[in-house]
Each structure stands twice: as C-alpha cells, then as structure tokens.
Amino acid sequence: MSHLLLTVRDAGVRRGRRDILNHVTVNLLGGEFVAVLGPSGSGKSTLIKALIGLVRLSTGHVLVNGKAQSAHAWQGRLGYVPQDDIVHTGLIVTQALRYAADLRLPKGEHQAVRDTVLRQLGLWDHRHQRISTLSGGQRKRVSLAMELLSDPELLMLDEPTSGLDPALEASMMRLLASLAAKGMLVVATTHAMASLAAASRILVVHGGHIVYDGPPATLCSYFGVPTAEAVFGQLKSHSPVEWFNRFNRVGGRRGIVGS
C-alpha cells in the first residue's frame, strides 16, 4: 500500500537575489514514479537536490516520514544518481559493484545482492566488462545498480535518459516504473517526452514554481496542447507566476490536478 514518504511545504531556494525554487508544496508517496519536467534552468535539479538535503532551503521544510529531514533520516534509505556518471570507468562492472557493496552492505550479503541487481538491470552478460567499453545506457545502469544495492526506499535520478536513443530511453523509463511498482518512490528529472506514460505522476517546474502536478494522461489537456513535446512552448505564453496562480486556482496545492 502507498504511504506518504516526503512532505514538502512552501519550500524555497534563493541564490543571491534570484529565487531558484518558489513556494513548492507537494506530497510524494512510496510506489510512485514521478517524472519532473521543465525547461532548462527551471529548477528541476535544484528541486530533487533540495528534497534530499543536498541544497539548503531558504524557506519552508521537508519531512521524511513525518520527521525533519536530516542525514540520519536518509541513512541506508536513499539512492541518488546524478546526471554525470560517477563510476570509475577503468573498473570491471563487478569490481565497481563490489567496492560499492563494501560501503553499503553487511559482509556476507555482497555476492547474492550484486548478482540480483545485475540481473534486474540487464547487466549480467556485461558483468566482466570494463565500464569504459560499455554503451551510455549500460553505464547509466551501472550507476543505478550501485544505488540499488542497498534497496533504497527513495531513488532520485537527474536526467537518467540523457544521451540515450529513443529505444534505450523508453527502456530506462520502463525500468524505473518497475522499481516504483515494487514500492519504491522514484523521482527523475527527464526530457523523455515520448515515454512519459511510464510515469505515474508528472511534476512540471517553470521558473522555480510547480505549475502542474498530475497524471500523464491529463498533461496535454491541462496545457491545451496536442502533444507533450508542445508543453515547453506553451509555457512561454505566460510567466511562471501566472502559470503558478492558475495551478493554485484549480486546487493544485491541495491535490493532484486531474485526479
């Protein structure tokens, strides 16, 4: 059964005189795959970093299972895959996972967990390959595998489909949906517009504001466009504040649009 994992209330991030995030209020549940969309510079990456404490809030708060966010609150429960791969490309896949397992798992569990994750992510046949010889999509999966070793409750990913061809992009989105189906909260920034149906929920961020929070099925009708790809162009028709005010008028901060 889905449970409330993250509670965000009126969160803001300010750098100098510029507001990067504005009045973000949202509840995120275990078992959801949340795709975060928005133009470049809209605040998507800042949002997911703020959710897990990598960016300090200027206003508001984030609660984890009803308690104040802290490093201790996330201990052993968080997986984070940044946009740029952080795996050592000179290592063999199994070596990279072994070193990660040494840091995250009790001794005696390493082999079984590593083998399970390799099979889950379709990396079994590549386990003895040097990471530098893998394709971009396979390297993304190695980064993801390292985070899944500890079976996190929350998985955050920044542009996991970046640089992938359409087939690999769709495959990655289906994989993330399958992880959410097992009870994990998966939150990913993405430009994978053709594969949004894999997500259970969409957040659109514009000018630091959440201006849409709802299912993929109602995204186009909400913005009055024929395709998801046209949403970004439509956002330019009004200011972020105007879109945010419209979102509030339809009850966006009190519930999911279109639900």
Protein backbone atom coordinates (compact mmCIF):
# COMPACT_ATOMS: atom_id res chain seq x y z
CA MET A 1 0.00 0.00 0.00
CA SER A 2 1.31 3.51 -0.85
CA HIS A 3 2.47 5.59 2.10
CA LEU A 4 3.43 9.23 2.49
CA LEU A 5 7.21 9.40 2.34
CA LEU A 6 8.09 13.03 1.61
CA THR A 7 6.16 16.11 2.70
CA VAL A 8 7.30 19.42 1.22
CA ARG A 9 5.75 22.64 2.49
CA ASP A 10 6.33 26.09 0.96
CA ALA A 11 9.94 25.23 0.14
CA GLY A 12 12.14 27.87 -1.47
CA VAL A 13 15.78 28.14 -2.52
CA ARG A 14 17.35 31.55 -3.06
CA ARG A 15 20.79 32.30 -4.51
CA GLY A 16 21.80 35.92 -4.23
CA ARG A 17 18.82 37.90 -5.46
CA ARG A 18 17.40 35.07 -7.52
CA ASP A 19 14.74 32.59 -6.40
CA ILE A 20 15.59 29.15 -7.82
CA LEU A 21 12.58 27.47 -6.17
CA ASN A 22 9.40 29.24 -5.09
CA HIS A 23 6.62 28.07 -2.74
CA VAL A 24 7.00 24.36 -3.54
CA THR A 25 4.35 22.30 -1.77
CA VAL A 26 3.95 18.62 -2.62
CA ASN A 27 3.43 15.19 -1.03
CA LEU A 28 5.26 12.19 -2.51
CA LEU A 29 4.26 8.59 -1.88
CA GLY A 30 6.06 5.29 -1.87
CA GLY A 31 5.22 3.33 -5.03
CA GLU A 32 5.10 6.41 -7.27
CA PHE A 33 7.25 7.05 -10.32
CA VAL A 34 7.36 10.85 -10.52
CA ALA A 35 8.78 12.43 -13.68
CA VAL A 36 9.91 16.03 -13.21
CA LEU A 37 9.72 18.15 -16.37
CA GLY A 38 10.60 21.72 -17.20
CA PRO A 39 12.67 23.95 -19.45
CA SER A 40 16.42 24.21 -18.91
CA GLY A 41 17.12 26.35 -15.85
CA SER A 42 13.61 25.89 -14.47
CA GLY A 43 14.79 24.47 -11.14
CA LYS A 44 14.28 20.73 -11.74
CA SER A 45 17.70 19.61 -10.49
CA THR A 46 17.55 22.04 -7.58
CA LEU A 47 14.20 20.57 -6.60
CA ILE A 48 15.38 16.98 -6.33
CA LYS A 49 18.56 18.05 -4.53
CA ALA A 50 16.50 20.07 -2.07
CA LEU A 51 14.28 17.07 -1.41
CA ILE A 52 17.25 15.04 -0.17
CA GLY A 53 19.17 17.81 1.59
CA LEU A 54 21.90 18.42 -0.99
CA VAL A 55 20.66 22.01 -1.34
CA ARG A 56 19.77 24.10 1.70
CA LEU A 57 16.26 25.53 1.79
CA SER A 58 15.86 29.28 2.25
CA THR A 59 12.22 28.86 3.29
CA GLY A 60 9.85 26.03 4.14
CA HIS A 61 10.66 22.48 5.14
CA VAL A 62 10.85 18.86 4.02
CA LEU A 63 9.65 16.00 6.22
CA VAL A 64 10.74 12.37 5.79
CA ASN A 65 8.05 10.02 7.08
CA GLY A 66 6.75 12.93 9.15
CA LYS A 67 10.14 13.83 10.67
CA ALA A 68 12.54 16.65 9.91
CA GLN A 69 14.88 15.95 7.03
CA SER A 70 18.42 15.04 8.11
CA ALA A 71 21.37 12.90 7.05
CA HIS A 72 20.27 10.35 9.66
CA ALA A 73 16.74 10.28 8.25
CA TRP A 74 18.11 9.11 4.89
CA GLN A 75 20.71 6.68 6.19
CA GLY A 76 20.51 3.49 4.13
CA ARG A 77 17.20 4.54 2.55
CA LEU A 78 18.26 6.85 -0.27
CA GLY A 79 19.67 6.21 -3.73
CA TYR A 80 20.86 9.18 -5.81
CA VAL A 81 22.03 9.00 -9.44
CA PRO A 82 23.35 12.38 -10.68
CA GLN A 83 23.29 13.38 -14.32
CA ASP A 84 27.02 12.83 -14.80
CA ASP A 85 28.15 9.24 -14.26
CA ILE A 86 30.36 8.93 -11.18
CA VAL A 87 31.53 5.36 -11.75
CA HIS A 88 35.24 4.72 -12.30
CA THR A 89 35.37 3.73 -15.97
CA GLY A 90 38.62 1.82 -15.56
CA LEU A 91 36.93 -0.78 -13.35
CA ILE A 92 35.21 -4.01 -14.33
CA VAL A 93 31.46 -3.87 -13.62
CA THR A 94 31.68 -6.44 -10.82
CA GLN A 95 34.61 -4.57 -9.26
CA ALA A 96 32.65 -1.32 -9.14
CA LEU A 97 29.69 -3.06 -7.51
CA ARG A 98 31.92 -4.88 -5.05
CA TYR A 99 33.51 -1.64 -3.85
CA ALA A 100 30.06 -0.04 -3.53
CA ALA A 101 28.76 -3.07 -1.63
CA ASP A 102 31.70 -2.87 0.80
CA LEU A 103 30.45 0.58 1.80
CA ARG A 104 26.74 -0.21 1.98
CA LEU A 105 26.14 -3.85 2.92
CA PRO A 106 26.98 -6.19 5.79
CA LYS A 107 29.65 -8.72 4.86
CA GLY A 108 28.20 -12.00 3.67
CA GLU A 109 25.42 -10.41 1.61
CA HIS A 110 27.53 -8.92 -1.18
CA GLN A 111 27.54 -11.67 -3.77
CA ALA A 112 23.84 -12.52 -3.67
CA VAL A 113 22.75 -8.88 -3.74
CA ARG A 114 25.17 -7.96 -6.53
CA ASP A 115 24.01 -10.86 -8.68
CA THR A 116 20.35 -9.97 -8.11
CA VAL A 117 20.90 -6.32 -9.11
CA LEU A 118 22.96 -7.25 -12.18
CA ARG A 119 20.16 -9.49 -13.43
CA GLN A 120 17.45 -6.97 -12.54
CA LEU A 121 19.14 -4.27 -14.63
CA GLY A 122 20.06 -6.49 -17.58
CA LEU A 123 23.79 -6.23 -16.85
CA TRP A 124 24.53 -9.89 -16.17
CA ASP A 125 26.09 -10.53 -19.57
CA HIS A 126 28.26 -7.43 -19.15
CA ARG A 127 29.43 -8.10 -15.59
CA HIS A 128 33.01 -8.88 -16.65
CA GLN A 129 33.32 -5.89 -18.99
CA ARG A 130 35.36 -2.79 -18.29
CA ILE A 131 32.97 0.11 -17.72
CA SER A 132 34.77 2.27 -20.31
CA THR A 133 33.70 -0.23 -23.02
CA LEU A 134 30.00 -0.05 -22.16
CA SER A 135 27.43 1.99 -24.05
CA GLY A 136 25.99 5.15 -22.48
CA GLY A 137 22.82 3.33 -21.49
CA GLN A 138 24.76 0.48 -19.90
CA ARG A 139 26.91 2.92 -17.91
CA LYS A 140 23.72 4.56 -16.63
CA ARG A 141 22.56 1.15 -15.48
CA VAL A 142 25.83 0.54 -13.64
CA SER A 143 25.37 3.86 -11.79
CA LEU A 144 21.83 2.81 -10.96
CA ALA A 145 22.96 -0.67 -9.88
CA MET A 146 25.33 0.82 -7.32
CA GLU A 147 22.42 2.70 -5.73
CA LEU A 148 20.08 -0.29 -5.76
CA LEU A 149 22.47 -2.46 -3.76
CA SER A 150 21.06 -1.09 -0.51
CA ASP A 151 17.42 -1.47 -1.66
CA PRO A 152 16.58 2.21 -1.04
CA GLU A 153 13.13 3.47 -0.13
CA LEU A 154 13.64 6.56 -2.29
CA LEU A 155 15.51 6.72 -5.61
CA MET A 156 16.35 10.15 -7.07
CA LEU A 157 17.74 10.46 -10.61
CA ASP A 158 18.84 13.56 -12.51
CA GLU A 159 18.31 13.11 -16.26
CA PRO A 160 18.75 9.31 -16.36
CA THR A 161 17.68 9.27 -20.02
CA SER A 162 20.11 11.99 -21.14
CA GLY A 163 22.08 10.95 -24.23
CA LEU A 164 20.10 7.74 -24.79
CA ASP A 165 18.48 6.84 -28.10
CA PRO A 166 14.65 6.57 -28.12
CA ALA A 167 14.62 2.80 -27.59
CA LEU A 168 17.01 2.96 -24.62
CA GLU A 169 15.15 5.96 -23.26
CA ALA A 170 11.89 4.01 -23.27
CA SER A 171 13.63 1.01 -21.71
CA MET A 172 15.03 3.14 -18.87
CA MET A 173 11.62 4.68 -18.17
CA ARG A 174 10.01 1.22 -18.04
CA LEU A 175 12.75 0.07 -15.67
CA LEU A 176 12.11 2.98 -13.31
CA ALA A 177 8.38 2.26 -13.42
CA SER A 178 9.06 -1.37 -12.47
CA LEU A 179 11.09 -0.25 -9.43
CA ALA A 180 8.24 2.00 -8.30
CA ALA A 181 5.80 -0.86 -8.75
CA LYS A 182 7.70 -2.71 -6.01
CA GLY A 183 7.01 0.09 -3.52
CA MET A 184 9.96 2.44 -4.08
CA LEU A 185 9.44 6.18 -4.57
CA VAL A 186 11.25 7.03 -7.82
CA VAL A 187 11.72 10.69 -8.75
CA ALA A 188 13.51 11.54 -12.01
CA THR A 189 14.09 14.72 -13.95
CA THR A 190 13.74 13.92 -17.62
CA HIS A 191 13.19 15.17 -21.16
CA ALA A 192 11.90 11.75 -22.25
CA MET A 193 8.65 13.22 -23.53
CA ALA A 194 7.78 10.23 -25.70
CA SER A 195 7.90 7.88 -22.70
CA LEU A 196 6.01 9.85 -20.08
CA ALA A 197 3.23 7.27 -19.92
CA ALA A 198 5.63 5.07 -17.94
CA ALA A 199 5.43 7.54 -15.05
CA SER A 200 2.53 7.52 -12.62
CA ARG A 201 2.78 11.24 -11.92
CA ILE A 202 4.20 14.34 -13.59
CA LEU A 203 5.53 17.49 -11.97
CA VAL A 204 6.16 20.43 -14.29
CA VAL A 205 8.55 23.05 -12.92
CA HIS A 206 8.68 26.51 -14.50
CA GLY A 207 10.65 29.43 -13.10
CA GLY A 208 11.08 27.60 -9.81
CA HIS A 209 7.33 27.01 -9.39
CA ILE A 210 5.45 23.73 -9.68
CA VAL A 211 2.83 24.57 -12.31
CA TYR A 212 1.40 21.09 -12.90
CA ASP A 213 1.08 18.05 -10.65
CA GLY A 214 -0.94 15.19 -12.09
CA PRO A 215 -1.04 12.07 -14.24
CA PRO A 216 0.49 11.87 -17.73
CA ALA A 217 -2.98 11.39 -19.21
CA THR A 218 -4.13 14.94 -18.40
CA LEU A 219 -0.87 16.81 -19.08
CA CYS A 220 -1.72 17.87 -22.64
CA SER A 221 -5.32 18.85 -21.94
CA TYR A 222 -4.26 20.93 -18.93
CA PHE A 223 -1.87 22.99 -21.05
CA GLY A 224 -4.12 22.93 -24.12
CA VAL A 225 -1.58 21.34 -26.44
CA PRO A 226 -1.77 18.30 -28.76
CA THR A 227 1.45 16.61 -27.60
CA ALA A 228 3.66 16.53 -24.52
CA GLU A 229 6.52 17.97 -26.57
CA ALA A 230 4.43 21.13 -27.09
CA VAL A 231 4.17 21.83 -23.36
CA PHE A 232 7.50 23.66 -23.21
CA GLY A 233 6.46 26.04 -25.98
CA GLN A 234 3.13 26.67 -24.29
CA LEU A 235 4.86 27.59 -21.04
CA LYS A 236 6.36 30.62 -22.82
CA SER A 237 2.88 32.06 -23.39
CA HIS A 238 2.62 33.18 -19.75
CA SER A 239 5.01 34.00 -16.94
CA PRO A 240 5.89 31.36 -14.31
CA VAL A 241 3.87 33.31 -11.72
CA GLU A 242 0.80 33.33 -13.97
CA TRP A 243 1.05 29.58 -14.52
CA PHE A 244 1.54 29.08 -10.77
CA ASN A 245 -1.51 31.17 -9.96
CA ARG A 246 -3.60 29.13 -12.40
CA PHE A 247 -2.29 25.95 -10.78
CA ASN A 248 -3.43 27.22 -7.38
CA ARG A 249 -6.86 28.21 -8.70
CA VAL A 250 -7.56 24.65 -9.84
CA GLY A 251 -6.51 23.28 -6.45
CA GLY A 252 -3.02 22.16 -7.39
CA ARG A 253 -1.53 22.75 -3.96
CA ARG A 254 -4.35 20.79 -2.31
CA GLY A 255 -4.37 17.77 -4.57
CA ILE A 256 -3.31 16.30 -7.87
CA VAL A 257 -4.62 18.02 -10.98
CA GLY A 258 -6.91 15.76 -12.96
CA SER A 259 -7.28 13.13 -10.23
